[in-house]
Amino acid sequence: MYSQTDTYQIILCVVTLGVTLTAGFLMGILTSEQWTRKTRPQKVRSRFL
């Protein structure tokens, strides 16, 4: 069976993984939005909409 320290370490690992994943996901969204804004002109975007 797990001791309490083991369970706390597992919870800590899961929490840190979740936080890093969400942070990376948000950063990826923000950087991709900035990249598309910089590279693509407004005319191209209006065609897709």
N, C-alpha and C. Protein backbone atom coordinates (compact mmCIF):
# COMPACT_ATOMS: atom_id res chain seq x y z
N MET A 1 0.85 -1.21 0.00
CA MET A 1 0.00 0.00 0.00
C MET A 1 0.88 1.26 0.00
N TYR A 2 0.29 2.36 -0.47
CA TYR A 2 1.04 3.60 -0.49
C TYR A 2 1.04 4.25 0.89
N SER A 3 2.15 4.88 1.24
CA SER A 3 2.15 5.70 2.44
C SER A 3 1.66 7.11 2.08
N GLN A 4 1.45 7.92 3.10
CA GLN A 4 0.89 9.26 2.82
C GLN A 4 1.86 10.11 2.01
N THR A 5 3.16 9.99 2.27
CA THR A 5 4.13 10.80 1.52
C THR A 5 4.10 10.42 0.04
N ASP A 6 3.94 9.13 -0.26
CA ASP A 6 3.89 8.69 -1.65
C ASP A 6 2.67 9.28 -2.36
N THR A 7 1.52 9.24 -1.70
CA THR A 7 0.31 9.78 -2.32
C THR A 7 0.44 11.28 -2.55
N TYR A 8 1.05 11.99 -1.58
CA TYR A 8 1.24 13.43 -1.75
C TYR A 8 2.17 13.71 -2.93
N GLN A 9 3.22 12.90 -3.07
CA GLN A 9 4.15 13.10 -4.19
C GLN A 9 3.45 12.85 -5.52
N ILE A 10 2.61 11.82 -5.57
CA ILE A 10 1.87 11.52 -6.81
C ILE A 10 0.93 12.67 -7.16
N ILE A 11 0.21 13.17 -6.15
CA ILE A 11 -0.71 14.29 -6.37
C ILE A 11 0.07 15.51 -6.85
N LEU A 12 1.23 15.76 -6.23
CA LEU A 12 2.05 16.90 -6.60
C LEU A 12 2.50 16.77 -8.05
N CYS A 13 2.93 15.57 -8.43
CA CYS A 13 3.39 15.34 -9.82
C CYS A 13 2.25 15.58 -10.80
N VAL A 14 1.07 15.07 -10.49
CA VAL A 14 -0.08 15.23 -11.38
C VAL A 14 -0.46 16.71 -11.51
N VAL A 15 -0.44 17.42 -10.38
CA VAL A 15 -0.80 18.84 -10.40
C VAL A 15 0.21 19.64 -11.22
N THR A 16 1.50 19.37 -11.01
CA THR A 16 2.51 20.11 -11.75
C THR A 16 2.42 19.81 -13.25
N LEU A 17 2.15 18.55 -13.59
CA LEU A 17 1.98 18.19 -15.00
C LEU A 17 0.80 18.93 -15.61
N GLY A 18 -0.31 18.96 -14.89
CA GLY A 18 -1.50 19.64 -15.40
C GLY A 18 -1.25 21.13 -15.60
N VAL A 19 -0.56 21.73 -14.63
CA VAL A 19 -0.30 23.18 -14.71
C VAL A 19 0.62 23.48 -15.88
N THR A 20 1.67 22.67 -16.04
CA THR A 20 2.60 22.92 -17.14
C THR A 20 1.93 22.70 -18.49
N LEU A 21 1.06 21.69 -18.57
CA LEU A 21 0.36 21.42 -19.83
C LEU A 21 -0.58 22.57 -20.18
N THR A 22 -1.35 23.05 -19.20
CA THR A 22 -2.29 24.14 -19.47
C THR A 22 -1.53 25.42 -19.81
N ALA A 23 -0.42 25.67 -19.11
CA ALA A 23 0.37 26.87 -19.37
C ALA A 23 0.96 26.81 -20.78
N GLY A 24 1.49 25.66 -21.15
CA GLY A 24 2.04 25.49 -22.49
C GLY A 24 0.98 25.64 -23.56
N PHE A 25 -0.20 25.10 -23.28
CA PHE A 25 -1.31 25.19 -24.23
C PHE A 25 -1.72 26.65 -24.43
N LEU A 26 -1.85 27.39 -23.32
CA LEU A 26 -2.23 28.80 -23.41
C LEU A 26 -1.15 29.60 -24.14
N MET A 27 0.11 29.34 -23.81
CA MET A 27 1.21 30.05 -24.47
C MET A 27 1.22 29.75 -25.97
N GLY A 28 0.95 28.50 -26.33
CA GLY A 28 0.91 28.13 -27.74
C GLY A 28 -0.19 28.87 -28.48
N ILE A 29 -1.35 28.99 -27.84
CA ILE A 29 -2.47 29.71 -28.45
C ILE A 29 -2.11 31.18 -28.64
N LEU A 30 -1.53 31.79 -27.60
CA LEU A 30 -1.19 33.20 -27.67
C LEU A 30 -0.13 33.46 -28.74
N THR A 31 0.91 32.63 -28.78
CA THR A 31 1.98 32.84 -29.75
C THR A 31 1.49 32.61 -31.17
N SER A 32 0.63 31.61 -31.37
CA SER A 32 0.12 31.33 -32.71
C SER A 32 -0.78 32.47 -33.18
N GLU A 33 -1.56 33.05 -32.26
CA GLU A 33 -2.41 34.18 -32.63
C GLU A 33 -1.56 35.38 -33.03
N GLN A 34 -0.51 35.64 -32.24
CA GLN A 34 0.37 36.76 -32.56
C GLN A 34 1.07 36.52 -33.90
N TRP A 35 1.48 35.26 -34.16
CA TRP A 35 2.19 34.94 -35.39
C TRP A 35 1.28 35.12 -36.59
N THR A 36 0.03 34.67 -36.50
CA THR A 36 -0.89 34.81 -37.63
C THR A 36 -1.20 36.28 -37.86
N ARG A 37 -1.30 37.06 -36.80
CA ARG A 37 -1.57 38.49 -36.97
C ARG A 37 -0.42 39.17 -37.69
N LYS A 38 0.82 38.80 -37.32
CA LYS A 38 1.98 39.46 -37.91
C LYS A 38 2.15 39.07 -39.37
N THR A 39 2.00 37.78 -39.68
CA THR A 39 2.32 37.33 -41.03
C THR A 39 1.19 37.58 -42.01
N ARG A 40 -0.04 37.29 -41.60
CA ARG A 40 -1.16 37.40 -42.54
C ARG A 40 -1.73 38.82 -42.57
N PRO A 41 -1.94 39.37 -43.74
CA PRO A 41 -2.62 40.66 -43.84
C PRO A 41 -4.12 40.52 -43.56
N GLN A 42 -4.79 41.65 -43.38
CA GLN A 42 -6.22 41.62 -43.03
C GLN A 42 -7.07 41.11 -44.19
N LYS A 43 -6.66 41.35 -45.43
CA LYS A 43 -7.46 40.93 -46.59
C LYS A 43 -7.64 39.41 -46.62
N VAL A 44 -6.56 38.67 -46.33
CA VAL A 44 -6.62 37.21 -46.39
C VAL A 44 -7.56 36.69 -45.32
N ARG A 45 -7.52 37.30 -44.13
CA ARG A 45 -8.37 36.83 -43.04
C ARG A 45 -9.85 37.09 -43.36
N SER A 46 -10.15 38.23 -44.00
CA SER A 46 -11.56 38.55 -44.28
C SER A 46 -12.16 37.57 -45.29
N ARG A 47 -11.35 36.99 -46.15
CA ARG A 47 -11.86 35.99 -47.10
C ARG A 47 -12.35 34.74 -46.37
N PHE A 48 -11.60 34.30 -45.35
CA PHE A 48 -11.98 33.09 -44.63
C PHE A 48 -13.25 33.29 -43.83
N LEU A 49 -13.49 34.52 -43.35
CA LEU A 49 -14.67 34.77 -42.52
C LEU A 49 -15.95 34.89 -43.33
